[in-house]
Structure formats: C-alpha cells, structure tokens
Protein backbone atom coordinates (compact mmCIF):
# COMPACT_ATOMS: atom_id res chain seq x y z
CA MET A 1 -19.86 8.32 3.94
CA ALA A 2 -23.29 8.79 2.40
CA ALA A 3 -23.00 5.28 0.92
CA LEU A 4 -22.24 3.84 4.36
CA SER A 5 -25.11 5.76 5.85
CA ALA A 6 -27.42 4.29 3.20
CA ARG A 7 -26.26 0.69 3.90
CA PRO A 8 -25.31 0.57 7.59
CA GLU A 9 -26.33 -3.06 8.16
CA GLN A 10 -24.22 -4.32 5.22
CA ALA A 11 -21.32 -2.14 6.37
CA GLU A 12 -21.52 -3.57 9.89
CA ARG A 13 -21.54 -7.15 8.57
CA GLU A 14 -18.48 -6.47 6.42
CA LEU A 15 -16.64 -4.82 9.31
CA GLU A 16 -17.33 -7.93 11.38
CA THR A 17 -15.98 -10.30 8.72
CA ARG A 18 -12.80 -8.30 8.07
CA LYS A 19 -11.78 -8.19 11.76
CA GLY A 20 -9.90 -4.92 11.30
CA PRO A 21 -9.24 -2.19 13.83
CA LEU A 22 -12.91 -1.13 13.88
CA GLY A 23 -16.13 -2.94 14.70
CA PRO A 24 -19.87 -2.29 14.18
CA ARG A 25 -20.05 -0.05 17.26
CA ASP A 26 -17.28 2.13 15.89
CA LEU A 27 -19.19 2.51 12.62
CA ARG A 28 -22.28 3.74 14.46
CA GLU A 29 -20.15 6.29 16.32
CA ILE A 30 -18.51 7.43 13.07
CA LEU A 31 -21.88 7.85 11.34
CA SER A 32 -23.28 9.76 14.34
CA THR A 33 -20.23 12.07 14.38
CA TRP A 34 -20.43 12.56 10.63
CA LYS A 35 -24.12 13.47 10.71
CA ARG A 36 -23.51 16.01 13.47
CA LEU A 37 -20.51 17.40 11.55
CA VAL A 38 -22.61 17.81 8.39
CA LYS A 39 -25.31 19.57 10.41
CA VAL A 40 -22.77 21.92 12.04
CA GLN A 41 -21.25 22.72 8.65
CA GLU A 42 -24.70 23.46 7.23
CA GLU A 43 -25.39 25.81 10.16
CA ILE A 44 -22.02 27.49 9.60
CA GLY A 45 -22.85 27.94 5.92
CA LYS A 46 -26.20 29.56 6.68
CA LEU A 47 -24.75 31.88 9.33
CA GLU A 48 -21.86 32.91 7.07
CA THR A 49 -24.37 33.76 4.33
CA GLU A 50 -26.46 35.76 6.81
CA LYS A 51 -23.32 37.49 8.10
CA GLU A 52 -22.54 38.68 4.57
CA GLU A 53 -26.11 39.94 4.15
CA VAL A 54 -26.00 41.81 7.47
CA SER A 55 -22.65 43.35 6.57
CA ALA A 56 -24.04 44.48 3.23
CA GLN A 57 -27.08 46.07 4.89
CA VAL A 58 -24.90 47.85 7.47
CA LYS A 59 -22.64 49.13 4.70
CA CYS A 60 -25.68 50.43 2.81
CA LEU A 61 -26.92 52.33 5.86
CA VAL A 62 -23.47 53.81 6.49
CA GLU A 63 -23.29 55.03 2.89
CA THR A 64 -26.85 56.44 2.71
CA GLN A 65 -27.49 57.83 6.19
CA ASP A 66 -26.12 60.87 7.96
CA LYS A 67 -23.34 59.89 10.37
CA SER A 68 -24.77 62.09 13.15
CA THR A 69 -28.07 60.17 13.19
CA LEU A 70 -26.76 56.71 12.19
CA GLN A 71 -26.25 55.46 15.78
CA ALA A 72 -29.84 56.34 16.68
CA LEU A 73 -31.41 54.34 13.86
CA PRO A 74 -33.21 51.21 15.21
CA ASP A 75 -32.40 49.24 12.05
CA TYR A 76 -28.71 50.03 12.36
CA GLN A 77 -28.60 48.95 16.02
CA ALA A 78 -30.58 45.77 15.29
CA LEU A 79 -28.19 44.85 12.48
CA ARG A 80 -25.14 45.53 14.68
CA ASN A 81 -26.62 43.34 17.45
CA ARG A 82 -27.44 40.56 15.00
CA GLY A 83 -23.92 40.74 13.62
CA ARG A 84 -22.46 40.24 17.10
CA GLU A 85 -24.80 37.28 17.73
CA ILE A 86 -23.75 35.67 14.46
CA ARG A 87 -20.05 36.07 15.31
CA HIS A 88 -20.57 34.47 18.74
CA GLN A 89 -22.54 31.59 17.20
CA LEU A 90 -19.92 31.07 14.49
CA ASN A 91 -17.05 31.05 16.97
CA SER A 92 -18.82 28.34 18.96
CA LEU A 93 -19.64 26.32 15.84
CA TYR A 94 -16.10 26.65 14.47
CA GLN A 95 -14.77 25.12 17.69
CA GLU A 96 -17.31 22.30 17.55
CA GLU A 97 -16.52 21.68 13.87
CA LEU A 98 -12.81 21.41 14.69
CA VAL A 99 -13.44 18.81 17.43
CA LEU A 100 -15.93 16.81 15.35
CA ASP A 101 -13.70 16.92 12.28
CA GLU A 102 -10.78 15.43 14.21
CA GLN A 103 -12.97 12.78 15.88
CA TYR A 104 -14.49 11.83 12.54
CA TYR A 105 -11.34 11.61 10.44
CA LEU A 106 -9.20 9.80 13.04
CA LYS A 107 -11.69 6.92 13.05
CA ALA A 108 -12.95 7.13 9.47
CA LEU A 109 -9.39 6.65 8.17
CA LYS A 110 -9.47 3.15 9.70
CA LEU A 111 -12.58 2.08 7.82
CA PRO A 112 -11.92 -0.63 5.19
CA ASN A 113 -13.11 -0.82 1.62
CA TRP A 114 -16.25 -2.71 0.66
CA THR A 115 -15.73 -6.43 0.06
CA HIS A 116 -16.31 -8.32 -3.21
CA PRO A 117 -19.26 -10.75 -2.70
CA ASP A 118 -17.16 -13.75 -3.85
CA VAL A 119 -14.36 -13.20 -1.31
CA PRO A 120 -14.10 -16.10 1.19
CA ILE A 121 -14.99 -15.17 4.78
CA GLY A 122 -12.48 -15.81 7.54
CA ASP A 123 -8.76 -15.86 8.26
CA GLU A 124 -5.89 -17.03 6.02
CA SER A 125 -6.87 -20.68 6.47
CA GLN A 126 -10.00 -19.94 4.41
CA ALA A 127 -8.06 -18.81 1.34
CA ARG A 128 -9.49 -20.45 -1.76
CA VAL A 129 -7.05 -22.16 -4.14
CA VAL A 130 -7.93 -20.86 -7.60
CA GLU A 131 -5.19 -22.58 -9.58
CA VAL A 132 -2.05 -24.70 -9.13
CA VAL A 133 0.64 -24.26 -11.78
CA GLY A 134 3.54 -26.63 -12.48
CA GLU A 135 4.91 -29.53 -10.47
CA LYS A 136 6.96 -29.62 -7.29
CA PRO A 137 10.62 -30.19 -8.17
CA ALA A 138 11.84 -33.70 -7.33
CA PHE A 139 15.22 -34.37 -5.71
CA ASP A 140 17.17 -37.59 -5.12
CA PHE A 141 19.26 -35.91 -2.39
CA LYS A 142 18.55 -34.05 0.81
CA VAL A 143 17.38 -30.54 -0.07
CA ARG A 144 18.88 -27.54 1.62
CA GLY A 145 17.49 -24.15 2.50
CA HIS A 146 18.35 -20.99 0.57
CA LEU A 147 20.52 -19.56 3.34
CA GLU A 148 22.72 -22.66 3.50
CA ILE A 149 22.92 -22.75 -0.31
CA GLY A 150 23.74 -19.05 -0.50
CA GLU A 151 26.39 -19.17 2.21
CA ASP A 152 28.16 -22.14 0.61
CA LEU A 153 28.24 -20.31 -2.74
CA ASP A 154 29.24 -17.05 -0.98
CA ILE A 155 26.34 -15.18 -2.62
CA ILE A 156 24.33 -14.46 0.56
CA ARG A 157 25.60 -13.27 3.92
CA GLN A 158 23.35 -12.82 6.93
CA ARG A 159 25.59 -13.83 9.82
CA ARG A 160 27.57 -11.40 12.01
CA LEU A 161 25.58 -8.34 10.91
CA SER A 162 23.94 -7.28 14.19
CA HIS A 163 26.67 -4.68 14.83
CA ILE A 164 26.65 -3.55 11.17
CA SER A 165 23.05 -3.35 9.95
CA GLY A 166 20.98 -5.05 12.65
CA HIS A 167 18.86 -8.18 12.54
CA ARG A 168 16.87 -9.20 9.46
CA SER A 169 19.39 -7.63 7.10
CA TYR A 170 21.54 -9.35 4.48
CA TYR A 171 24.19 -8.91 1.79
CA LEU A 172 24.07 -10.29 -1.75
CA ARG A 173 27.43 -10.81 -3.43
CA GLY A 174 28.62 -11.94 -6.85
CA ALA A 175 26.00 -14.11 -8.55
CA GLY A 176 23.55 -13.27 -5.73
CA ALA A 177 23.67 -9.58 -6.59
CA MET A 178 23.57 -10.46 -10.29
CA LEU A 179 20.44 -12.53 -9.70
CA GLN A 180 18.75 -9.54 -8.09
CA HIS A 181 19.66 -7.30 -11.02
CA ALA A 182 18.56 -9.99 -13.48
CA LEU A 183 15.15 -10.40 -11.84
CA VAL A 184 14.56 -6.64 -11.88
CA GLN A 185 15.71 -6.24 -15.49
CA PHE A 186 13.70 -9.23 -16.69
CA THR A 187 10.51 -8.12 -14.92
CA VAL A 188 10.69 -4.40 -15.80
CA SER A 189 11.59 -5.02 -19.45
CA LYS A 190 8.75 -7.53 -19.80
CA LEU A 191 6.20 -5.09 -18.40
CA VAL A 192 7.49 -2.11 -20.42
CA LYS A 193 6.98 -4.22 -23.55
CA GLN A 194 3.38 -4.72 -22.36
CA GLY A 195 2.83 -0.95 -22.34
CA PHE A 196 3.67 -0.16 -18.71
CA ILE A 197 5.21 3.24 -18.00
CA PRO A 198 8.44 2.88 -15.99
CA MET A 199 8.73 5.13 -12.94
CA ALA A 200 11.23 6.04 -10.22
CA VAL A 201 9.62 7.38 -7.05
CA PRO A 202 10.66 8.88 -3.68
CA ASP A 203 11.28 6.49 -0.79
CA LEU A 204 10.46 9.22 1.76
CA LEU A 205 6.82 10.34 1.77
CA ARG A 206 4.37 12.24 3.95
CA GLY A 207 2.13 10.34 6.35
CA ALA A 208 -1.00 11.55 4.54
CA VAL A 209 0.00 9.61 1.42
CA PHE A 210 0.36 6.41 3.45
CA GLU A 211 -3.04 7.04 5.09
CA GLY A 212 -4.54 7.69 1.65
CA CYS A 213 -3.28 4.28 0.53
CA GLY A 214 -4.93 2.62 3.54
CA MET A 215 -1.80 2.27 5.66
CA GLN A 216 -1.38 3.55 9.20
CA PRO A 217 2.10 4.97 9.82
CA THR A 218 1.24 6.07 13.36
CA ALA A 219 -0.22 2.74 14.51
CA VAL A 220 1.41 0.97 17.46
CA PRO A 221 3.17 -1.22 16.52
CA SER A 222 3.58 0.02 12.96
CA PRO A 223 5.20 -1.76 9.99
CA VAL A 224 6.22 1.71 8.73
CA TYR A 225 9.54 3.34 9.60
CA ASN A 226 9.02 6.95 10.73
CA ILE A 227 11.89 9.43 10.36
CA ASP A 228 12.87 11.32 13.54
CA PRO A 229 10.16 14.06 13.69
CA SER A 230 12.44 16.37 15.67
CA ARG A 231 14.62 16.68 12.56
CA PHE A 232 12.34 15.95 9.63
CA GLU A 233 8.64 16.54 10.20
CA ASP A 234 6.17 13.94 8.92
CA LEU A 235 8.32 11.73 6.71
CA CYS A 236 8.14 7.93 6.49
CA LEU A 237 10.06 5.28 4.54
CA ALA A 238 7.88 3.50 2.01
CA GLY A 239 7.41 -0.24 2.31
CA THR A 240 6.31 -0.41 -1.32
CA SER A 241 6.51 1.88 -4.35
CA GLU A 242 2.70 1.70 -4.46
CA VAL A 243 2.73 4.61 -2.00
CA GLY A 244 5.05 6.73 -4.13
CA ILE A 245 3.15 6.04 -7.36
CA ALA A 246 -0.20 6.77 -5.70
CA GLY A 247 1.31 10.04 -4.46
CA TYR A 248 2.26 10.90 -8.03
CA PHE A 249 -1.40 10.78 -9.08
CA MET A 250 -2.65 12.51 -5.89
CA ASP A 251 -4.70 15.68 -6.62
CA HIS A 252 -4.54 15.04 -10.37
CA ALA A 253 -7.02 13.99 -13.03
CA VAL A 254 -6.34 11.55 -15.89
CA ASN A 255 -7.89 11.82 -19.35
CA LEU A 256 -10.37 9.03 -20.04
CA GLU A 257 -8.69 8.25 -23.38
CA ASP A 258 -5.41 7.50 -21.57
CA MET A 259 -6.93 4.94 -19.21
CA PRO A 260 -6.07 2.51 -17.86
CA VAL A 261 -2.68 3.94 -16.93
CA ARG A 262 -0.27 1.09 -16.17
CA THR A 263 2.99 1.86 -14.36
CA VAL A 264 5.92 -0.25 -13.16
CA CYS A 265 8.51 0.72 -10.58
CA SER A 266 11.53 -1.00 -9.03
CA SER A 267 12.34 0.36 -5.59
CA THR A 268 13.94 -0.37 -2.27
CA CYS A 269 11.27 -1.23 0.31
CA TYR A 270 11.53 -0.74 4.07
CA ARG A 271 9.38 -2.69 6.53
CA ALA A 272 9.63 -2.91 10.29
CA GLU A 273 8.35 -6.55 10.29
CA THR A 274 6.84 -6.37 13.76
CA ASP A 275 6.21 -10.15 13.85
CA THR A 276 9.78 -10.63 15.08
CA GLY A 277 9.21 -14.21 16.23
CA LYS A 278 8.54 -15.46 12.69
CA GLU A 279 11.52 -16.74 10.70
CA PRO A 280 14.31 -14.56 12.16
CA TRP A 281 16.82 -16.04 9.70
CA GLY A 282 16.78 -16.14 5.95
CA LEU A 283 15.38 -13.77 3.34
CA TYR A 284 11.68 -14.43 3.87
CA ARG A 285 11.13 -11.62 6.37
CA VAL A 286 13.63 -8.79 6.10
CA HIS A 287 13.59 -5.07 6.85
CA GLN A 288 14.90 -3.88 3.47
CA PHE A 289 14.50 -5.43 0.03
CA THR A 290 14.05 -4.70 -3.66
CA LYS A 291 10.66 -5.10 -5.27
CA VAL A 292 9.15 -4.46 -8.71
CA GLU A 293 5.59 -3.14 -8.37
CA MET A 294 2.72 -2.70 -10.82
CA PHE A 295 0.21 0.12 -10.26
CA GLY A 296 -2.78 0.96 -12.41
CA VAL A 297 -5.37 3.75 -12.55
CA THR A 298 -8.64 2.94 -14.31
CA ALA A 299 -11.90 4.64 -15.11
CA ALA A 300 -15.18 3.63 -13.47
CA GLU A 301 -17.60 4.09 -16.37
CA SER A 302 -18.99 0.55 -16.28
CA GLY A 303 -17.71 -0.36 -12.81
CA GLU A 304 -15.87 -3.39 -14.22
CA GLU A 305 -12.68 -1.68 -15.46
CA SER A 306 -10.67 -2.24 -12.27
CA ALA A 307 -11.81 -5.87 -12.03
CA ALA A 308 -10.52 -6.42 -15.58
CA LEU A 309 -7.18 -4.79 -14.74
CA LEU A 310 -6.90 -6.99 -11.62
CA GLU A 311 -7.22 -10.07 -13.83
CA GLU A 312 -4.68 -8.62 -16.25
CA PHE A 313 -2.16 -8.03 -13.45
CA LEU A 314 -2.73 -11.58 -12.16
CA ALA A 315 -2.16 -13.02 -15.65
CA LEU A 316 1.12 -11.10 -15.93
CA GLN A 317 2.27 -12.36 -12.53
CA LYS A 318 1.58 -15.93 -13.61
CA GLU A 319 3.52 -15.40 -16.84
CA ILE A 320 6.52 -14.06 -14.93
CA PHE A 321 6.63 -16.92 -12.41
CA SER A 322 5.96 -19.57 -15.08
CA GLU A 323 8.82 -18.21 -17.20
CA LEU A 324 11.03 -18.47 -14.11
CA GLY A 325 10.05 -22.14 -13.85
CA LEU A 326 8.44 -21.91 -10.41
CA HIS A 327 5.75 -24.21 -9.06
CA TYR A 328 3.08 -22.01 -7.49
CA ARG A 329 -0.57 -21.69 -6.56
CA VAL A 330 -3.00 -18.77 -6.85
CA LEU A 331 -5.17 -17.94 -3.85
CA ASP A 332 -8.34 -15.87 -3.59
CA MET A 333 -7.66 -14.24 -0.23
CA PRO A 334 -10.30 -14.16 2.54
CA THR A 335 -11.78 -11.15 4.30
CA GLN A 336 -9.29 -11.01 7.18
CA GLU A 337 -6.35 -10.87 4.75
CA LEU A 338 -7.52 -7.93 2.64
CA GLY A 339 -6.19 -5.14 4.82
CA LEU A 340 -8.01 -1.82 4.64
CA PRO A 341 -7.86 -0.85 0.94
CA ALA A 342 -8.52 -4.05 -1.01
CA TYR A 343 -11.92 -4.91 -2.44
CA ARG A 344 -10.48 -8.21 -3.65
CA LYS A 345 -6.97 -9.65 -3.47
CA TYR A 346 -5.15 -12.58 -5.02
CA ASP A 347 -1.92 -13.98 -3.56
CA ILE A 348 0.56 -16.22 -5.33
CA GLU A 349 2.54 -18.70 -3.22
CA ALA A 350 5.56 -20.51 -4.65
CA TRP A 351 6.78 -23.88 -3.45
CA MET A 352 9.99 -23.50 -1.45
CA PRO A 353 11.56 -26.98 -1.07
CA GLY A 354 14.05 -26.00 1.65
CA ARG A 355 11.27 -24.55 3.78
CA GLY A 356 9.06 -27.52 2.90
CA LYS A 357 6.03 -25.33 2.25
CA TYR A 358 4.54 -22.68 0.05
CA GLY A 359 5.51 -19.07 0.64
CA GLU A 360 3.89 -15.87 -0.58
CA ILE A 361 5.83 -14.23 -3.41
CA SER A 362 3.24 -11.75 -4.70
CA SER A 363 -0.20 -10.26 -4.29
CA THR A 364 -2.46 -8.12 -6.45
CA SER A 365 -5.36 -6.02 -5.18
CA ASN A 366 -8.30 -4.14 -6.62
CA CYS A 367 -8.77 -1.12 -4.37
CA THR A 368 -11.68 0.36 -6.45
CA ASP A 369 -12.14 4.01 -5.42
CA TYR A 370 -10.87 3.55 -1.83
CA GLN A 371 -7.46 5.17 -2.42
CA SER A 372 -8.61 7.65 -5.03
CA ARG A 373 -11.22 9.21 -2.73
CA ARG A 374 -8.64 9.70 -0.01
CA LEU A 375 -5.93 10.95 -2.39
CA ASN A 376 -8.21 12.86 -4.77
CA ILE A 377 -7.23 10.84 -7.85
CA MET A 378 -9.79 11.55 -10.58
CA TYR A 379 -10.49 11.33 -14.29
CA CYS A 380 -12.57 13.31 -16.77
CA ASP A 381 -15.53 11.30 -18.01
CA ARG A 382 -17.14 11.61 -21.47
CA THR A 383 -19.17 14.66 -20.36
CA GLY A 384 -16.09 16.43 -18.99
CA GLN A 385 -17.10 15.83 -15.37
CA LEU A 386 -14.52 14.79 -12.80
CA ARG A 387 -15.09 11.34 -11.27
CA TYR A 388 -13.09 9.27 -8.85
CA ALA A 389 -10.77 6.77 -10.54
CA HIS A 390 -10.11 3.18 -9.42
CA THR A 391 -6.65 1.87 -8.48
CA VAL A 392 -5.12 -1.59 -8.81
CA ASN A 393 -1.71 -2.71 -7.53
CA GLY A 394 0.32 -5.89 -7.78
CA THR A 395 3.73 -7.30 -6.99
CA ALA A 396 5.65 -8.17 -10.15
CA CYS A 397 8.73 -9.46 -8.32
CA ALA A 398 9.61 -9.33 -4.61
CA VAL A 399 13.28 -10.18 -5.07
CA PRO A 400 14.19 -11.93 -1.76
CA ARG A 401 11.25 -14.31 -1.81
CA VAL A 402 11.68 -15.13 -5.47
CA LEU A 403 15.37 -15.75 -4.73
CA ILE A 404 14.34 -18.27 -2.06
CA ALA A 405 12.12 -20.16 -4.48
CA LEU A 406 14.71 -20.06 -7.28
CA LEU A 407 17.69 -21.19 -5.18
CA GLU A 408 15.79 -23.95 -3.40
CA SER A 409 13.99 -25.23 -6.52
CA ASN A 410 17.08 -25.24 -8.77
CA GLN A 411 19.68 -26.59 -6.34
CA LEU A 412 21.94 -29.40 -7.54
CA GLN A 413 23.54 -32.18 -5.54
CA ASP A 414 27.04 -30.69 -5.79
CA GLY A 415 25.85 -27.45 -4.17
CA SER A 416 25.59 -25.44 -7.38
CA VAL A 417 22.37 -23.85 -8.61
CA ARG A 418 20.90 -24.04 -12.11
CA VAL A 419 19.96 -20.62 -13.53
CA PRO A 420 16.48 -20.46 -15.15
CA ALA A 421 16.83 -20.14 -18.93
CA ILE A 422 14.99 -16.79 -19.01
CA LEU A 423 17.62 -15.25 -16.68
CA GLN A 424 20.74 -16.72 -18.28
CA PRO A 425 21.20 -13.83 -20.76
CA PHE A 426 21.17 -11.37 -17.84
CA LEU A 427 23.68 -13.36 -15.75
CA GLY A 428 25.83 -14.71 -18.55
CA MET A 429 25.92 -18.14 -16.93
CA GLU A 430 23.89 -21.35 -16.84
CA THR A 431 24.93 -22.48 -13.37
CA ILE A 432 25.98 -20.68 -10.20
CA VAL A 433 29.05 -22.41 -8.75
CA LYS A 434 31.44 -21.71 -5.91
CA PRO A 435 33.68 -18.76 -6.71
CA GLY A 436 37.41 -19.26 -7.14
CA TYR A 437 38.35 -16.77 -4.44
CA ALA A 438 38.67 -17.63 -0.76
CA PRO A 439 35.78 -16.55 1.49
CA LEU A 440 36.35 -13.67 3.89
CA LYS A 441 37.78 -14.67 7.26
CA TYR A 442 36.01 -13.22 10.29
CA ILE A 443 38.49 -11.58 12.68
CA GLY A 444 36.06 -9.57 14.81
CA PRO A 445 34.77 -10.12 18.39
CA ASN A 446 32.86 -13.15 19.63
CA GLN A 447 35.19 -15.65 18.02
CA PRO A 448 34.24 -19.30 18.49
CA LYS A 449 36.05 -20.76 21.47
CA ARG A 450 38.84 -23.17 20.66
CA ARG A 451 39.07 -26.32 22.72
C-alpha cells in the first residue's frame, strides 16, 4: 500500500484502464482508510508500551512500599488513574481498528496488480496479435462442428443430460475418453522432461486462498462454486489447479538456489460459467473439465526473473500446440482482459473450423508479487533476508477446447477423425472411426412424437 500511496496518480490511471470492480474514487477511499488505520495502530502501539511501563512502575511500588500506606501515595494513585485512562483509550482504539481493518481489506482485496507498460489499453478487441503459427486447414467438403462429429462417432454425449448432470455437462466415451487421457499424458510427460515437478492438489480450498490468487469467491455472480456453508464452512471448488498450487506455497519460503520452481498439475476444474447465454452447447463453455496447468515461483533479485519465466511458459505452450498440429495465434492481452492478478498476459487462440473462428485454448500470466504478498510466498535472498517471490501461471492443455480444435481440424469426409502423430502412441490408433457396437437407445421421458 505504501507503493500505491507514493504513486496515486499512476495507480488511478491504471485502475481506469483496467475497468475492474474499483475506480479512482475507491482508491482514494482505500488510501484514506489505510492511512487512518496505520495511525490508529501506531497509537495502539504507543499506548500498549506505556501500559507496560505503568504496570511495571505500579508493581515496583507494590513491592517496595508498605501496604498500609500504599493507597495514600500520590504516585501510586496517579499511576492507577493513568492505567485506567490507557485501558479506556485502548478499548476505543481496538474497536476503531477492527472497523477500519474490515473496511480496508474488503476493498483492498479488489485492487488489481500494476500493469506492464507495453500492455495494450482497452477491451478484448484491442488485443495485439504477436504471432500466427501454421495454416488454416483446408477442406473440400462441408466442415462440421465438434459436437456433431463427436456424436456421430459416439465419443461425445451432451444431449439428454439435464436430469442427470445439468446443462453444460458432457460425457466422453471410447476414443473421446482416450483422447483426454492422451492429451494429459502427452502434456504432463513433456513438461516433466523439461524439469517441472508434477503435483496433485486439493479441489476444495478455503476462500482466503482464492482471494490470495486474485479471485473473488463471494462476488455476485461468482464463477466459483461455494460448498453449502451450513455443512462445510468456507470451502470452494477450484476452477484451476493454480489455486491449489499457490496454496501449497502459502506461508512458506523457497531457497534462492532452487528457483525458479516449475510445477505441473492435471486436475478437474469447476466453473459456474455465469455467461449462460454464450454457446450453451458444445464443449467450449462447460462447468467441469480437465486441465493441465503450469505454475512457477521465481525470485525477484533483478526484477526480470518472472518476465523470463512468462516467456518460457509461452514457448512451451507454442511447442505443445505446434506438435498437436494446430493453427493458432498468440495475443498480447489488453488491460481489461488481465483480471486482478496479472501484470501481463498472453492468450493463445486456435482456429476451430466448425465454429468458423478462433477460440481461446490457453493463457499465461505474470502475476509478479501480487499473489505472493497476499499468500505470504517468500524466498531467502543472498543475504538470508526473506523477500516476496513472483508467481507465473499458464495453461498447458485445457482438454475440452483442445478437443474442439483437434476434432474440427482433423475431420475427414467420411466422418472419421485423423489422430495427430504425437498422440497416436497414446491412443494406439491413427484414425478415430465409428465403433462397431450399436449406440445406446434412449427410452426415457420426452420421446420425440411419432406422426
């Protein structure tokens, strides 16, 4: 907060460009509350010190003076009166501190990170195309969407699930499930060979960990699923393993010699997807999916370590998607797309022929010390002093969206799908074809009317 107080004009400009939950006026209120809170805490500290001194002097008088004359001593009475005054003052200040502390933190938690000077200003339309990789696949037949392809091959099911798992859910079967496993195995094994530490993390985490990562589980509406608080207090389902990995490092310090720490985790992700009007069918926006995530913790000796790790994560993402044979573009995301924690963020969008447009399949963000200050993630510098680390995260493979790009880009005229060469050893096949078994016959309610 001292850094914000030193650069209030710059902070106000950046708040304005990010268009988040807070504006310049909110920042002024936060700074005012913080300054008063600091002053109150300083007053409390002085009074608590004086209270100890008064108590010591009273104790000395009690031990050295005759009890029969102690009450009549002016010094003793003056100290007793001062002690009562201090207690009354402290009780009042403790109450004020409690109120100010709540006011300050409830708003300060919504403040975003600083913004990299090269980040484009504006909404998603202002994203800057950094690179375009590969060519759009060409077809001499009418292309189909992934859901139609998947249903015909009986590898995806999304229909007639409202009474089973609700909207925006899906099943993968046969080669569809095998594709998911193949993508996870390919991605994780590739990253482990690059020195990443594999991790398995909890899906249920405390709200404070989400807030520390820059997410707001109590916002209305919220993309985070909250568990019934009447049964399980303060537990939420993670929408990314980034939260679980960050929680692993919370309240811990890393040795400088071990940095950067690179981790990889495959997990099930849960997202409320509050934009319910967007793409209600298909795998692009779903409530539950599998994702492989990269998370790194770096030092901040030169200030450039996290920027270097961001570029490393981006290079690995490009390798993964190029090896899968996808056509994609890299975007430097603008201010309004950074969320709260990111200092800079790159998105990768793959071409999805059935949708007829690019779709986001990954992002990678440099969060500098934003998350580490909230979660108390530190490292020991060369002098042995504790300093706040920097954190970087990135999507290695969001399975449903990569499935969309793979199925739509590799579809063949006869309805089969060509398997990318890199995945063939994991699937044991070169082409996904219709299975030999008969598809399930629906016998439930709401049967189509026969004429």
